[in-house]
Structures are given as C-alpha cells and as structure tokens.
Protein backbone atom coordinates (compact mmCIF):
# COMPACT_ATOMS: atom_id res chain seq x y z
CA MET A 1 -97.42 139.18 -142.73
CA SER A 2 -98.14 137.67 -146.23
CA HIS A 3 -96.78 141.00 -147.77
CA VAL A 4 -93.41 141.07 -146.13
CA GLU A 5 -90.24 139.07 -146.71
CA GLN A 6 -89.43 136.32 -144.37
CA PRO A 7 -86.13 134.41 -143.96
CA GLU A 8 -86.01 131.23 -145.83
CA TYR A 9 -85.23 127.90 -144.03
CA THR A 10 -85.35 124.14 -144.68
CA GLN A 11 -87.69 122.18 -142.57
CA VAL A 12 -85.81 119.17 -141.14
CA THR A 13 -88.66 117.54 -139.13
CA MET A 14 -92.04 118.41 -137.91
CA ASP A 15 -93.92 117.09 -134.69
CA GLY A 16 -97.27 118.80 -134.20
CA ASN A 17 -96.56 122.45 -133.61
CA ILE A 18 -92.72 121.84 -133.05
CA GLU A 19 -90.31 121.75 -135.93
CA ILE A 20 -86.59 121.63 -136.52
CA ARG A 21 -85.43 124.18 -139.11
CA ASP A 22 -82.07 124.86 -140.80
CA TYR A 23 -81.53 128.52 -141.64
CA PRO A 24 -78.87 129.76 -143.95
CA PRO A 25 -76.69 132.66 -143.05
CA ILE A 26 -78.81 135.69 -142.18
CA ILE A 27 -78.01 139.46 -141.56
CA LEU A 28 -79.69 140.99 -138.49
CA ALA A 29 -79.92 144.62 -137.37
CA GLU A 30 -79.79 144.38 -133.52
CA VAL A 31 -80.21 146.82 -130.59
CA GLU A 32 -80.03 146.18 -126.90
CA VAL A 33 -82.51 147.80 -124.61
CA SER A 34 -83.33 147.75 -120.85
CA GLY A 35 -86.72 147.27 -119.14
CA GLN A 36 -89.49 144.76 -118.90
CA ARG A 37 -89.91 142.49 -121.97
CA LYS A 38 -92.98 144.28 -123.51
CA GLN A 39 -91.53 147.74 -123.03
CA ALA A 40 -88.17 146.60 -124.40
CA ILE A 41 -89.45 145.31 -127.57
CA SER A 42 -91.51 148.42 -128.28
CA GLU A 43 -88.46 150.52 -127.73
CA GLY A 44 -86.28 148.17 -129.69
CA PHE A 45 -88.85 148.11 -132.51
CA ARG A 46 -88.94 151.83 -132.57
CA ILE A 47 -85.23 152.28 -132.88
CA LEU A 48 -84.75 149.57 -135.61
CA ALA A 49 -87.95 150.74 -137.55
CA ASP A 50 -86.32 154.29 -137.75
CA TYR A 51 -83.17 152.81 -139.20
CA ILE A 52 -84.92 150.83 -141.95
CA PHE A 53 -87.24 153.81 -142.87
CA GLY A 54 -84.39 155.96 -143.68
CA ASN A 55 -82.36 157.07 -140.68
CA ASN A 56 -79.21 155.69 -142.24
CA THR A 57 -76.38 156.44 -144.54
CA SER A 58 -76.75 154.69 -147.76
CA THR A 59 -73.82 153.13 -149.59
CA LYS A 60 -73.08 152.54 -153.42
CA LYS A 61 -70.13 150.78 -155.22
CA MET A 62 -67.99 152.75 -157.32
CA ASP A 63 -66.14 150.60 -159.90
CA MET A 64 -64.24 147.81 -158.03
CA THR A 65 -63.78 149.74 -154.83
CA VAL A 66 -65.43 149.30 -151.47
CA PRO A 67 -68.79 150.91 -150.95
CA GLN A 68 -68.73 154.59 -150.46
CA PRO A 69 -71.18 156.58 -148.28
CA ILE A 70 -73.56 158.98 -149.87
CA GLU A 71 -75.75 161.50 -148.28
CA GLU A 72 -79.34 160.20 -148.84
CA GLY A 73 -80.81 157.61 -146.42
CA GLU A 74 -82.23 154.58 -147.92
CA LYS A 75 -85.64 152.99 -147.17
CA MET A 76 -85.72 149.23 -146.79
CA ALA A 77 -88.66 146.92 -146.81
CA MET A 78 -90.02 145.69 -143.54
CA THR A 79 -89.36 141.93 -142.93
CA ALA A 80 -90.80 139.36 -140.41
CA PRO A 81 -90.46 138.09 -137.70
CA VAL A 82 -89.30 140.69 -135.17
CA LEU A 83 -86.93 138.76 -132.77
CA GLN A 84 -86.39 139.27 -129.14
CA GLN A 85 -83.80 137.49 -126.80
CA GLN A 86 -83.02 138.16 -123.29
CA HIS A 87 -79.29 139.04 -122.51
CA MET A 88 -78.47 139.14 -118.74
CA ASP A 89 -80.69 141.94 -117.54
CA LYS A 90 -81.44 143.46 -121.04
CA TRP A 91 -83.22 142.51 -124.29
CA LYS A 92 -81.86 142.26 -127.65
CA VAL A 93 -84.40 143.13 -130.34
CA LYS A 94 -83.57 142.14 -133.89
CA PHE A 95 -84.72 142.73 -137.46
CA VAL A 96 -83.91 140.32 -140.21
CA MET A 97 -82.56 142.38 -143.13
CA PRO A 98 -83.88 141.79 -146.62
CA LYS A 99 -81.85 139.04 -148.45
CA LYS A 100 -80.84 141.31 -151.35
CA TYR A 101 -78.30 143.06 -149.11
CA SER A 102 -74.89 141.94 -147.92
CA LEU A 103 -73.03 143.46 -144.92
CA GLU A 104 -71.13 145.55 -147.19
CA SER A 105 -74.10 146.83 -149.26
CA LEU A 106 -76.42 147.55 -146.22
CA PRO A 107 -76.98 151.17 -145.25
CA ARG A 108 -75.03 152.09 -142.23
CA PRO A 109 -77.27 152.89 -139.18
CA ASN A 110 -76.90 156.58 -137.97
CA SER A 111 -77.78 155.36 -134.42
CA LYS A 112 -74.83 154.05 -132.50
CA ASP A 113 -77.13 151.65 -130.65
CA ILE A 114 -77.72 149.51 -133.74
CA ILE A 115 -75.18 146.83 -134.80
CA LEU A 116 -75.34 144.76 -137.99
CA ILE A 117 -74.40 141.18 -137.57
CA GLN A 118 -74.14 138.10 -139.73
CA MET A 119 -75.70 134.92 -138.29
CA PRO A 120 -74.09 131.82 -139.52
CA ALA A 121 -76.09 128.88 -140.97
CA THR A 122 -77.93 127.76 -137.86
CA ARG A 123 -80.25 124.81 -136.79
CA PHE A 124 -83.16 125.81 -134.53
CA VAL A 125 -86.09 123.89 -132.92
CA VAL A 126 -89.12 125.97 -132.91
CA ILE A 127 -92.53 125.98 -131.31
CA ARG A 128 -95.20 127.94 -133.04
CA PHE A 129 -98.45 129.21 -131.44
CA ALA A 130 -101.22 131.73 -132.15
CA GLY A 131 -102.93 134.16 -129.74
CA VAL A 132 -101.60 137.04 -127.72
CA ALA A 133 -97.80 136.69 -126.96
CA ASP A 134 -97.89 137.88 -123.35
CA ASP A 135 -95.36 136.89 -120.73
CA GLU A 136 -97.50 133.97 -119.53
CA SER A 137 -97.89 132.50 -122.96
CA ILE A 138 -94.38 132.83 -123.90
CA LYS A 139 -93.27 131.14 -120.58
CA LEU A 140 -95.71 128.30 -121.21
CA HIS A 141 -94.44 127.72 -124.80
CA THR A 142 -90.80 127.99 -123.80
CA ALA A 143 -91.30 125.40 -121.16
CA GLN A 144 -92.94 122.94 -123.62
CA LEU A 145 -90.18 123.52 -126.04
CA GLU A 146 -87.44 122.96 -123.36
CA ALA A 147 -89.26 119.79 -122.31
CA TYR A 148 -89.26 118.54 -125.85
CA ILE A 149 -85.57 119.24 -126.16
CA LEU A 150 -84.92 117.27 -122.97
CA VAL A 151 -86.97 114.26 -124.26
CA LYS A 152 -85.33 114.15 -127.65
CA LYS A 153 -81.84 114.56 -126.07
CA MET A 154 -81.02 117.63 -128.05
CA LYS A 155 -78.24 119.95 -126.95
CA PRO A 156 -79.51 123.69 -126.73
CA ILE A 157 -77.24 126.59 -127.44
CA GLY A 158 -77.92 130.00 -125.98
CA GLN A 159 -81.16 131.76 -124.75
CA PRO A 160 -84.57 131.23 -126.40
CA ILE A 161 -85.45 133.71 -129.04
CA PHE A 162 -89.07 134.98 -129.50
CA GLY A 163 -90.35 135.70 -132.90
CA PHE A 164 -93.33 137.80 -133.64
CA TYR A 165 -94.86 137.98 -137.26
CA ASN A 166 -97.88 140.28 -136.98
CA ARG A 167 -98.94 143.80 -136.30
CA PRO A 168 -100.51 144.54 -132.87
CA SER A 169 -103.86 145.17 -134.63
CA THR A 170 -103.97 141.55 -135.99
CA LEU A 171 -106.70 139.40 -134.42
CA PRO A 172 -105.15 137.05 -131.83
CA PHE A 173 -106.19 133.84 -133.54
CA LEU A 174 -104.54 134.96 -136.68
CA ARG A 175 -101.21 135.82 -135.06
CA ARG A 176 -97.96 133.79 -135.60
CA ASN A 177 -95.68 133.70 -132.64
CA GLU A 178 -92.69 131.37 -132.16
CA VAL A 179 -90.02 130.46 -129.65
CA MET A 180 -86.76 129.37 -131.19
CA ILE A 181 -83.90 127.64 -129.51
CA GLU A 182 -80.63 126.90 -131.29
CA ILE A 183 -79.54 123.28 -131.13
CA GLU A 184 -76.35 121.57 -131.92
CA ASP A 185 -76.48 120.00 -135.35
CA VAL A 186 -75.46 116.46 -134.73
CA SER A 187 -75.31 115.53 -138.39
CA THR A 188 -72.82 118.36 -139.10
CA ILE A 189 -70.60 117.24 -136.22
CA HIS A 190 -70.64 113.65 -137.31
CA SER A 191 -69.62 114.81 -140.93
CA LYS A 192 -66.69 116.87 -139.64
CA PHE A 193 -65.50 114.07 -137.32
CA MET A 194 -65.51 111.68 -140.28
CA GLU A 195 -63.53 114.08 -142.51
CA THR A 196 -60.92 114.54 -139.91
CA HIS A 197 -60.59 110.81 -139.28
CA GLN A 198 -60.32 109.66 -142.80
C-alpha cells in the first residue's frame, strides 16, 4: 500500500475511526459485474487490472489537436484503494486513475465493459477498520457508519462504497479497509444560498 498512489483528500473532522473527508475531482475506471460480492470484486479487479496493465489504446497529443490514438497499449501504475459499490443486483468495481491523467489523456479501454468517469469534488463520511473484509465485517461497519450518520443528522447520498487498500496476502491486522458514504456538504449549500440571496 505504501508504494502505490492514493487519492488525496482533506480531513474535515475525525471521531475515533470515523472521519469526514473532502475529495477533489477524481477519475475512475469502472466495470459492472454480476454475482456475489466476493466473486464480483475478483472479476471486476481482473478486468480493470487487464486495462491498466496494457489492454488499452494509448493517446498522444499532436500540436494543439485532440489526442490521437496510437497502436501501443500503455501501462499505468496501480493505485489504491480498489472500490466496490452495489448497484441494484450487480456490483460496480472501480480503480482510481493516477492523477497525472485527464479524461482526455487516459488510454482508452479496449474492453467495452469499462467506462471512464469523472467523479466531482465530493464529501464522504468514512469508517476505517483492519482485518479480513468479509461480508459480516463489512455489514457490521456499514451499520456503525449509518448509525453515526443518523446521530449526527447528516444527509447520506447513494449507496455505501467499500474500499480495499491491500493485497490478499497482507496479514489481516495490517490491512486497511473502509466503508464510505457520500454526504451532503451543508457548508457548500449554505454558501450557495448566501450567494443567491445577496
């Protein structure tokens, strides 16, 4: 984990193993797969890893024109965390793209199953935990995070996102796992309200 790029964020508050983070815009490579959670993340990881390890069409800029495809695939650095989010009866698995890329400069996936998306600046409330991130542990920490959101009167947006930072070979007590839930940024809403009513 210490040798791979991780998305930058600003820590707003911290309360034990729960914190509020503000993330800047981030580019994600995403694939949607069916099946049980564990099998789905394994399949999604395989598809996305194939993309970043060279199964893509690289781009280059020629003068002031738009990027043009070239033949060679481009290998990209692995990043952390690997993200997983339930979407109806399927799972979305996501890789954060290295920050040196823009949507225009990213290599195009050869797989039609992969989409590249720009996540806007977002506020998340996050619970962090070690150990094996099995279904029971994820369910427990998701419930704790949802209870915290309720007590703090936050407004959640969308489904929880699960983040995994380590290889399966990492000792359980050294692993970093997270459950993230997007929340409404009240300070931003207040600022926009004041701007429109001045």
